[in-house]
């Protein structure tokens, strides 16, 4: 059973930065290379949306338009970890942020391609 745990959320003022981390367990080190990972977010009353996704081997990333130029997704030194660096945060970035493990090696923005999800970590940006 694959488990996903996010950490690093919190409260920050507009213009500030936060770093989120995600650790997955339940797969072997070599298996993680075959699974893209992604960050999603969901604000109250809104649908879950992609923030960014990265290939299993970390050689390609794809971002939502709202994240481009401000957020950076990367695989950690440990193959089962995923990072999200968020800069110049704005109140509209306030949401519950989820980390997920995909069934595919290639990047995908479709939530239905992700088999394993964390419980989420709250990010709140004050104006």
Foldseek 3Di string as FASTA:
>chain_A
DKAKAKDWADEEAAQAKTKMKMFIDDDDQVVQLFKKKFKWWDDPPGDIFGAKIAFSNRPDMDGDPVNPPFKDWGQDPRSRMIMIIGGRDDQVVWTFMKMFIFPGRDDDGDPVRTDYIHPTDTHGYHD
